């Protein structure tokens, strides 16, 4: 082969790799952006509104008490900004993870499966018998319902936003590109997760490993999510039954 033949071969093989990098970078940014928005709006703002509602329905003695997360119930302080930032970053990680495994989930089950598992996991993580959040706040059933609903609603919004944006041509619409990048940057730590998952995805695509693992993943991923969701739901139901 001549030198020009080698150059042509390199160009032909490197172009698909560049396309793969663009595609992976796009879904990582879309996942982080969707999750950051969902975390901020539903987890952060929605969480504060839920606490406001519970303050109104609870005895006056809860006003000024410190919640289990270290926030003063019924009072908006600078700590609220920390809550919003934390929920934004947590949501962004959720978005990156969804974007990474969405192809392994049946299209019609993506929204209900991701939302229900998030509701069960989030509820099991948030609802507890210690502290004041679910012992002083009343009615307890409303408190439990709100903090199961919020993570489920955030996950549902992640799915809706990711599915709306992810199949568009990467970096082809200036306004959307800027919006996605800015929102993704708000997720900060999630971008690290996105890079790690993206590198693994790129290696899998370039080596052809993805083609081997995809059939297994399409069976294992939904089953794993269902198993995790059921385990979390059992834990949540047990805790809720003792609180009510």
C-alpha atoms as a PDB file:
ATOM      1  CA  UNK A   1       0.000   0.000   0.000  1.00  0.00           C
ATOM      2  CA  UNK A   2       1.160   3.498  -0.786  1.00  0.00           C
ATOM      3  CA  UNK A   3       1.346   6.322   1.729  1.00  0.00           C
ATOM      4  CA  UNK A   4      -1.811   7.840   0.269  1.00  0.00           C
ATOM      5  CA  UNK A   5      -3.622   4.535   0.769  1.00  0.00           C
ATOM      6  CA  UNK A   6      -2.707   4.542   4.459  1.00  0.00           C
ATOM      7  CA  UNK A   7      -3.907   8.123   4.834  1.00  0.00           C
ATOM      8  CA  UNK A   8      -7.212   7.262   3.143  1.00  0.00           C
ATOM      9  CA  UNK A   9      -7.660   4.200   5.365  1.00  0.00           C
ATOM     10  CA  UNK A  10      -6.953   6.268   8.499  1.00  0.00           C
ATOM     11  CA  UNK A  11      -9.486   8.897   7.472  1.00  0.00           C
ATOM     12  CA  UNK A  12     -12.146   6.271   6.799  1.00  0.00           C
ATOM     13  CA  UNK A  13     -11.638   4.548  10.159  1.00  0.00           C
ATOM     14  CA  UNK A  14     -11.244   7.715  12.229  1.00  0.00           C
ATOM     15  CA  UNK A  15     -14.411   9.392  10.921  1.00  0.00           C
ATOM     16  CA  UNK A  16     -16.763   6.841  12.521  1.00  0.00           C
ATOM     17  CA  UNK A  17     -14.805   7.174  15.755  1.00  0.00           C
ATOM     18  CA  UNK A  18     -15.298  10.925  15.715  1.00  0.00           C
ATOM     19  CA  UNK A  19     -19.002  10.388  15.098  1.00  0.00           C
ATOM     20  CA  UNK A  20     -19.138   7.979  18.023  1.00  0.00           C
ATOM     21  CA  UNK A  21     -17.440  10.513  20.300  1.00  0.00           C
ATOM     22  CA  UNK A  22     -19.903  13.221  19.244  1.00  0.00           C
ATOM     23  CA  UNK A  23     -22.872  10.919  19.822  1.00  0.00           C
ATOM     24  CA  UNK A  24     -21.649   9.795  23.242  1.00  0.00           C
ATOM     25  CA  UNK A  25     -20.803  13.359  24.304  1.00  0.00           C
ATOM     26  CA  UNK A  26     -24.290  14.431  23.236  1.00  0.00           C
ATOM     27  CA  UNK A  27     -26.181  11.797  25.215  1.00  0.00           C
ATOM     28  CA  UNK A  28     -24.016  12.422  28.288  1.00  0.00           C
ATOM     29  CA  UNK A  29     -24.726  16.166  28.104  1.00  0.00           C
ATOM     30  CA  UNK A  30     -28.426  15.564  27.435  1.00  0.00           C
ATOM     31  CA  UNK A  31     -28.671  13.191  30.386  1.00  0.00           C
ATOM     32  CA  UNK A  32     -26.887  15.582  32.734  1.00  0.00           C
ATOM     33  CA  UNK A  33     -28.959  18.552  31.519  1.00  0.00           C
ATOM     34  CA  UNK A  34     -32.288  16.734  31.834  1.00  0.00           C
ATOM     35  CA  UNK A  35     -31.378  15.441  35.267  1.00  0.00           C
ATOM     36  CA  UNK A  36     -30.138  18.817  36.492  1.00  0.00           C
ATOM     37  CA  UNK A  37     -33.393  20.471  35.452  1.00  0.00           C
ATOM     38  CA  UNK A  38     -35.500  17.728  37.031  1.00  0.00           C
ATOM     39  CA  UNK A  39     -33.433  17.789  40.218  1.00  0.00           C
ATOM     40  CA  UNK A  40     -33.651  21.563  40.562  1.00  0.00           C
ATOM     41  CA  UNK A  41     -37.347  21.931  39.695  1.00  0.00           C
ATOM     42  CA  UNK A  42     -38.837  18.787  41.242  1.00  0.00           C
ATOM     43  CA  UNK A  43     -36.324  17.823  43.914  1.00  0.00           C
ATOM     44  CA  UNK A  44     -35.238  21.287  45.022  1.00  0.00           C
ATOM     45  CA  UNK A  45     -38.184  23.617  44.486  1.00  0.00           C
ATOM     46  CA  UNK A  46     -40.741  20.812  44.764  1.00  0.00           C
ATOM     47  CA  UNK A  47     -39.146  19.585  47.971  1.00  0.00           C
ATOM     48  CA  UNK A  48     -39.333  23.013  49.570  1.00  0.00           C
ATOM     49  CA  UNK A  49     -42.969  23.421  48.500  1.00  0.00           C
ATOM     50  CA  UNK A  50     -43.751  20.007  49.988  1.00  0.00           C
ATOM     51  CA  UNK A  51     -42.201  21.076  53.287  1.00  0.00           C
ATOM     52  CA  UNK A  52     -44.200  24.320  53.152  1.00  0.00           C
ATOM     53  CA  UNK A  53     -47.422  22.365  52.691  1.00  0.00           C
ATOM     54  CA  UNK A  54     -46.539  20.036  55.569  1.00  0.00           C
ATOM     55  CA  UNK A  55     -45.722  23.009  57.765  1.00  0.00           C
ATOM     56  CA  UNK A  56     -49.220  24.341  57.142  1.00  0.00           C
ATOM     57  CA  UNK A  57     -50.849  21.001  57.968  1.00  0.00           C
ATOM     58  CA  UNK A  58     -48.690  20.254  61.024  1.00  0.00           C
ATOM     59  CA  UNK A  59     -48.858  21.572  64.607  1.00  0.00           C
ATOM     60  CA  UNK A  60     -47.185  24.932  65.272  1.00  0.00           C
ATOM     61  CA  UNK A  61     -44.460  23.267  67.311  1.00  0.00           C
ATOM     62  CA  UNK A  62     -42.709  22.106  64.119  1.00  0.00           C
ATOM     63  CA  UNK A  63     -42.053  25.683  63.000  1.00  0.00           C
ATOM     64  CA  UNK A  64     -38.417  26.474  63.697  1.00  0.00           C
ATOM     65  CA  UNK A  65     -37.537  22.842  64.374  1.00  0.00           C
ATOM     66  CA  UNK A  66     -34.542  21.437  62.527  1.00  0.00           C
ATOM     67  CA  UNK A  67     -35.357  18.805  59.936  1.00  0.00           C
ATOM     68  CA  UNK A  68     -33.371  15.602  59.607  1.00  0.00           C
ATOM     69  CA  UNK A  69     -31.456  17.174  56.714  1.00  0.00           C
ATOM     70  CA  UNK A  70     -30.391  20.140  58.831  1.00  0.00           C
ATOM     71  CA  UNK A  71     -32.876  22.703  57.481  1.00  0.00           C
ATOM     72  CA  UNK A  72     -35.084  24.875  59.668  1.00  0.00           C
ATOM     73  CA  UNK A  73     -38.679  23.881  59.021  1.00  0.00           C
ATOM     74  CA  UNK A  74     -40.874  26.710  57.787  1.00  0.00           C
ATOM     75  CA  UNK A  75     -37.970  29.103  57.208  1.00  0.00           C
ATOM     76  CA  UNK A  76     -36.211  29.901  53.924  1.00  0.00           C
ATOM     77  CA  UNK A  77     -32.509  30.582  54.533  1.00  0.00           C
ATOM     78  CA  UNK A  78     -29.260  30.499  52.584  1.00  0.00           C
ATOM     79  CA  UNK A  79     -29.185  26.762  53.320  1.00  0.00           C
ATOM     80  CA  UNK A  80     -31.990  26.464  50.790  1.00  0.00           C
ATOM     81  CA  UNK A  81     -29.441  27.272  48.065  1.00  0.00           C
ATOM     82  CA  UNK A  82     -27.403  24.295  49.218  1.00  0.00           C
ATOM     83  CA  UNK A  83     -30.477  22.086  48.949  1.00  0.00           C
ATOM     84  CA  UNK A  84     -31.179  23.326  45.422  1.00  0.00           C
ATOM     85  CA  UNK A  85     -27.566  22.745  44.367  1.00  0.00           C
ATOM     86  CA  UNK A  86     -27.514  19.274  45.897  1.00  0.00           C
ATOM     87  CA  UNK A  87     -30.750  18.246  44.219  1.00  0.00           C
ATOM     88  CA  UNK A  88     -29.493  19.612  40.893  1.00  0.00           C
ATOM     89  CA  UNK A  89     -26.324  17.516  41.057  1.00  0.00           C
ATOM     90  CA  UNK A  90     -28.146  14.404  42.260  1.00  0.00           C
ATOM     91  CA  UNK A  91     -30.699  14.770  39.485  1.00  0.00           C
ATOM     92  CA  UNK A  92     -27.936  15.191  36.899  1.00  0.00           C
ATOM     93  CA  UNK A  93     -26.389  11.868  37.940  1.00  0.00           C
ATOM     94  CA  UNK A  94     -29.807  10.242  37.584  1.00  0.00           C
ATOM     95  CA  UNK A  95     -30.094  11.707  34.082  1.00  0.00           C
ATOM     96  CA  UNK A  96     -26.678  10.446  32.976  1.00  0.00           C
ATOM     97  CA  UNK A  97     -27.453   6.947  34.251  1.00  0.00           C
ATOM     98  CA  UNK A  98     -30.794   6.908  32.423  1.00  0.00           C
ATOM     99  CA  UNK A  99     -29.206   8.120  29.182  1.00  0.00           C
ATOM    100  CA  UNK A 100     -26.572   5.412  29.514  1.00  0.00           C
ATOM    101  CA  UNK A 101     -28.969   2.472  29.841  1.00  0.00           C
ATOM    102  CA  UNK A 102     -32.093   3.680  28.020  1.00  0.00           C
ATOM    103  CA  UNK A 103     -31.308   1.606  24.916  1.00  0.00           C
ATOM    104  CA  UNK A 104     -31.440  -1.514  27.061  1.00  0.00           C
ATOM    105  CA  UNK A 105     -34.986  -0.792  28.247  1.00  0.00           C
ATOM    106  CA  UNK A 106     -38.143  -1.489  26.212  1.00  0.00           C
ATOM    107  CA  UNK A 107     -39.309   1.823  24.746  1.00  0.00           C
ATOM    108  CA  UNK A 108     -42.820   1.631  26.228  1.00  0.00           C
ATOM    109  CA  UNK A 109     -41.518   0.722  29.676  1.00  0.00           C
ATOM    110  CA  UNK A 110     -38.846   3.405  29.984  1.00  0.00           C
ATOM    111  CA  UNK A 111     -41.030   6.044  31.609  1.00  0.00           C
ATOM    112  CA  UNK A 112     -43.051   3.886  34.024  1.00  0.00           C
ATOM    113  CA  UNK A 113     -40.108   1.652  34.940  1.00  0.00           C
ATOM    114  CA  UNK A 114     -37.629   4.469  35.605  1.00  0.00           C
ATOM    115  CA  UNK A 115     -40.205   6.558  37.490  1.00  0.00           C
ATOM    116  CA  UNK A 116     -41.527   3.719  39.655  1.00  0.00           C
ATOM    117  CA  UNK A 117     -38.074   2.455  40.583  1.00  0.00           C
ATOM    118  CA  UNK A 118     -36.976   6.005  41.448  1.00  0.00           C
ATOM    119  CA  UNK A 119     -40.111   6.515  43.561  1.00  0.00           C
ATOM    120  CA  UNK A 120     -39.470   3.288  45.469  1.00  0.00           C
ATOM    121  CA  UNK A 121     -35.744   3.929  45.923  1.00  0.00           C
ATOM    122  CA  UNK A 122     -36.215   7.579  46.792  1.00  0.00           C
ATOM    123  CA  UNK A 123     -39.053   6.822  49.166  1.00  0.00           C
ATOM    124  CA  UNK A 124     -37.093   4.086  50.914  1.00  0.00           C
ATOM    125  CA  UNK A 125     -34.120   6.440  51.206  1.00  0.00           C
ATOM    126  CA  UNK A 126     -36.066   9.451  52.498  1.00  0.00           C
ATOM    127  CA  UNK A 127     -38.847   7.941  54.624  1.00  0.00           C
ATOM    128  CA  UNK A 128     -37.539   6.797  58.005  1.00  0.00           C
ATOM    129  CA  UNK A 129     -38.671   6.320  61.577  1.00  0.00           C
ATOM    130  CA  UNK A 130     -35.931   8.336  63.290  1.00  0.00           C
ATOM    131  CA  UNK A 131     -35.787  12.115  63.607  1.00  0.00           C
ATOM    132  CA  UNK A 132     -38.618  14.600  63.168  1.00  0.00           C
ATOM    133  CA  UNK A 133     -39.544  14.613  59.477  1.00  0.00           C
ATOM    134  CA  UNK A 134     -42.039  11.762  59.664  1.00  0.00           C
ATOM    135  CA  UNK A 135     -42.866  11.835  63.376  1.00  0.00           C
ATOM    136  CA  UNK A 136     -43.696  15.525  63.956  1.00  0.00           C
ATOM    137  CA  UNK A 137     -44.965  16.458  60.505  1.00  0.00           C
ATOM    138  CA  UNK A 138     -48.645  15.684  60.021  1.00  0.00           C
ATOM    139  CA  UNK A 139     -50.458  13.982  58.503  1.00  0.00           C
ATOM    140  CA  UNK A 140     -47.809  11.283  58.227  1.00  0.00           C
ATOM    141  CA  UNK A 141     -49.537   9.718  55.219  1.00  0.00           C
ATOM    142  CA  UNK A 142     -49.246  12.983  53.294  1.00  0.00           C
ATOM    143  CA  UNK A 143     -45.570  13.371  54.203  1.00  0.00           C
ATOM    144  CA  UNK A 144     -44.832   9.841  53.023  1.00  0.00           C
ATOM    145  CA  UNK A 145     -46.831  10.265  49.818  1.00  0.00           C
ATOM    146  CA  UNK A 146     -45.109  13.541  48.923  1.00  0.00           C
ATOM    147  CA  UNK A 147     -41.601  12.193  49.379  1.00  0.00           C
ATOM    148  CA  UNK A 148     -42.359   9.087  47.361  1.00  0.00           C
ATOM    149  CA  UNK A 149     -43.997  11.133  44.626  1.00  0.00           C
ATOM    150  CA  UNK A 150     -41.177  13.680  44.279  1.00  0.00           C
ATOM    151  CA  UNK A 151     -38.348  11.312  43.238  1.00  0.00           C
ATOM    152  CA  UNK A 152     -40.743   9.479  40.927  1.00  0.00           C
ATOM    153  CA  UNK A 153     -41.846  12.737  39.290  1.00  0.00           C
ATOM    154  CA  UNK A 154     -38.228  13.870  38.912  1.00  0.00           C
ATOM    155  CA  UNK A 155     -37.296  10.593  37.213  1.00  0.00           C
ATOM    156  CA  UNK A 156     -40.321  10.854  34.910  1.00  0.00           C
ATOM    157  CA  UNK A 157     -39.252  14.364  33.875  1.00  0.00           C
ATOM    158  CA  UNK A 158     -35.748  13.045  33.168  1.00  0.00           C
ATOM    159  CA  UNK A 159     -37.163  10.447  30.790  1.00  0.00           C
ATOM    160  CA  UNK A 160     -39.387  12.962  29.007  1.00  0.00           C
ATOM    161  CA  UNK A 161     -36.570  15.465  28.470  1.00  0.00           C
ATOM    162  CA  UNK A 162     -33.975  12.891  27.439  1.00  0.00           C
ATOM    163  CA  UNK A 163     -36.324  11.255  24.944  1.00  0.00           C
ATOM    164  CA  UNK A 164     -37.191  14.679  23.527  1.00  0.00           C
ATOM    165  CA  UNK A 165     -33.576  15.719  22.934  1.00  0.00           C
ATOM    166  CA  UNK A 166     -31.371  12.672  22.589  1.00  0.00           C
ATOM    167  CA  UNK A 167     -32.226  11.575  19.048  1.00  0.00           C
ATOM    168  CA  UNK A 168     -31.607  14.997  17.520  1.00  0.00           C
ATOM    169  CA  UNK A 169     -28.480  15.499  15.429  1.00  0.00           C
ATOM    170  CA  UNK A 170     -25.698  16.202  17.966  1.00  0.00           C
ATOM    171  CA  UNK A 171     -24.650  19.847  18.167  1.00  0.00           C
ATOM    172  CA  UNK A 172     -26.765  20.919  15.212  1.00  0.00           C
ATOM    173  CA  UNK A 173     -29.184  23.394  16.852  1.00  0.00           C
ATOM    174  CA  UNK A 174     -27.355  26.318  18.414  1.00  0.00           C
ATOM    175  CA  UNK A 175     -29.965  27.380  20.955  1.00  0.00           C
ATOM    176  CA  UNK A 176     -30.625  23.853  22.144  1.00  0.00           C
ATOM    177  CA  UNK A 177     -26.885  23.115  22.269  1.00  0.00           C
ATOM    178  CA  UNK A 178     -26.195  26.132  24.480  1.00  0.00           C
ATOM    179  CA  UNK A 179     -29.144  25.344  26.733  1.00  0.00           C
ATOM    180  CA  UNK A 180     -28.119  21.691  27.140  1.00  0.00           C
ATOM    181  CA  UNK A 181     -24.460  22.512  27.818  1.00  0.00           C
ATOM    182  CA  UNK A 182     -25.287  25.204  30.401  1.00  0.00           C
ATOM    183  CA  UNK A 183     -27.808  22.961  32.168  1.00  0.00           C
ATOM    184  CA  UNK A 184     -25.352  20.047  32.119  1.00  0.00           C
ATOM    185  CA  UNK A 185     -22.610  22.206  33.643  1.00  0.00           C
ATOM    186  CA  UNK A 186     -24.940  22.865  36.575  1.00  0.00           C
ATOM    187  CA  UNK A 187     -24.751  19.146  37.290  1.00  0.00           C
ATOM    188  CA  UNK A 188     -20.954  19.400  37.794  1.00  0.00           C
ATOM    189  CA  UNK A 189     -20.149  16.006  39.367  1.00  0.00           C
ATOM    190  CA  UNK A 190     -22.523  14.261  36.972  1.00  0.00           C
ATOM    191  CA  UNK A 191     -20.232  15.215  34.100  1.00  0.00           C
ATOM    192  CA  UNK A 192     -17.474  13.128  35.688  1.00  0.00           C
ATOM    193  CA  UNK A 193     -19.873  10.186  35.759  1.00  0.00           C
ATOM    194  CA  UNK A 194     -20.793  10.963  32.159  1.00  0.00           C
ATOM    195  CA  UNK A 195     -17.147  10.946  31.060  1.00  0.00           C
ATOM    196  CA  UNK A 196     -16.471   7.602  32.751  1.00  0.00           C
ATOM    197  CA  UNK A 197     -19.589   5.982  31.320  1.00  0.00           C
ATOM    198  CA  UNK A 198     -18.917   7.585  27.939  1.00  0.00           C
ATOM    199  CA  UNK A 199     -15.370   6.225  27.754  1.00  0.00           C
ATOM    200  CA  UNK A 200     -16.661   2.745  28.594  1.00  0.00           C
ATOM    201  CA  UNK A 201     -19.361   3.091  25.923  1.00  0.00           C
ATOM    202  CA  UNK A 202     -16.821   4.265  23.327  1.00  0.00           C
ATOM    203  CA  UNK A 203     -14.505   1.354  24.055  1.00  0.00           C
ATOM    204  CA  UNK A 204     -17.444  -1.031  23.787  1.00  0.00           C
ATOM    205  CA  UNK A 205     -18.539   0.385  20.438  1.00  0.00           C
ATOM    206  CA  UNK A 206     -15.076   0.540  18.910  1.00  0.00           C
ATOM    207  CA  UNK A 207     -14.156  -2.999  19.978  1.00  0.00           C
ATOM    208  CA  UNK A 208     -17.550  -4.416  19.075  1.00  0.00           C
ATOM    209  CA  UNK A 209     -18.130  -5.556  22.656  1.00  0.00           C
ATOM    210  CA  UNK A 210     -21.466  -3.737  22.703  1.00  0.00           C
ATOM    211  CA  UNK A 211     -22.861  -6.024  20.024  1.00  0.00           C
ATOM    212  CA  UNK A 212     -22.028  -9.024  22.171  1.00  0.00           C
ATOM    213  CA  UNK A 213     -23.383  -7.625  25.426  1.00  0.00           C
ATOM    214  CA  UNK A 214     -26.455  -5.808  24.078  1.00  0.00           C
ATOM    215  CA  UNK A 215     -28.777  -8.882  23.905  1.00  0.00           C
ATOM    216  CA  UNK A 216     -27.843  -9.816  27.468  1.00  0.00           C
ATOM    217  CA  UNK A 217     -28.179  -6.241  28.726  1.00  0.00           C
ATOM    218  CA  UNK A 218     -31.637  -5.857  27.194  1.00  0.00           C
ATOM    219  CA  UNK A 219     -32.822  -8.730  29.372  1.00  0.00           C
ATOM    220  CA  UNK A 220     -30.691  -8.127  32.451  1.00  0.00           C
ATOM    221  CA  UNK A 221     -31.196  -4.349  32.791  1.00  0.00           C
ATOM    222  CA  UNK A 222     -35.029  -4.361  33.071  1.00  0.00           C
ATOM    223  CA  UNK A 223     -34.940  -7.361  35.395  1.00  0.00           C
ATOM    224  CA  UNK A 224     -32.309  -5.715  37.592  1.00  0.00           C
ATOM    225  CA  UNK A 225     -34.346  -2.496  37.803  1.00  0.00           C
ATOM    226  CA  UNK A 226     -37.481  -4.445  38.724  1.00  0.00           C
ATOM    227  CA  UNK A 227     -35.597  -6.391  41.405  1.00  0.00           C
ATOM    228  CA  UNK A 228     -34.122  -3.215  42.908  1.00  0.00           C
ATOM    229  CA  UNK A 229     -37.495  -1.482  42.784  1.00  0.00           C
ATOM    230  CA  UNK A 230     -39.338  -4.368  44.453  1.00  0.00           C
ATOM    231  CA  UNK A 231     -36.734  -4.624  47.223  1.00  0.00           C
ATOM    232  CA  UNK A 232     -36.954  -0.873  47.859  1.00  0.00           C
ATOM    233  CA  UNK A 233     -40.760  -0.959  47.781  1.00  0.00           C
ATOM    234  CA  UNK A 234     -40.870  -3.740  50.370  1.00  0.00           C
ATOM    235  CA  UNK A 235     -38.585  -1.725  52.634  1.00  0.00           C
ATOM    236  CA  UNK A 236     -40.664   1.423  52.075  1.00  0.00           C
ATOM    237  CA  UNK A 237     -43.965  -0.328  52.833  1.00  0.00           C
ATOM    238  CA  UNK A 238     -42.560  -1.771  56.046  1.00  0.00           C
ATOM    239  CA  UNK A 239     -41.333   1.613  57.244  1.00  0.00           C
ATOM    240  CA  UNK A 240     -44.560   3.377  56.251  1.00  0.00           C
ATOM    241  CA  UNK A 241     -46.717   0.803  58.037  1.00  0.00           C
ATOM    242  CA  UNK A 242     -44.826   1.443  61.278  1.00  0.00           C
ATOM    243  CA  UNK A 243     -45.205   5.207  60.931  1.00  0.00           C
ATOM    244  CA  UNK A 244     -48.931   5.205  60.187  1.00  0.00           C
END
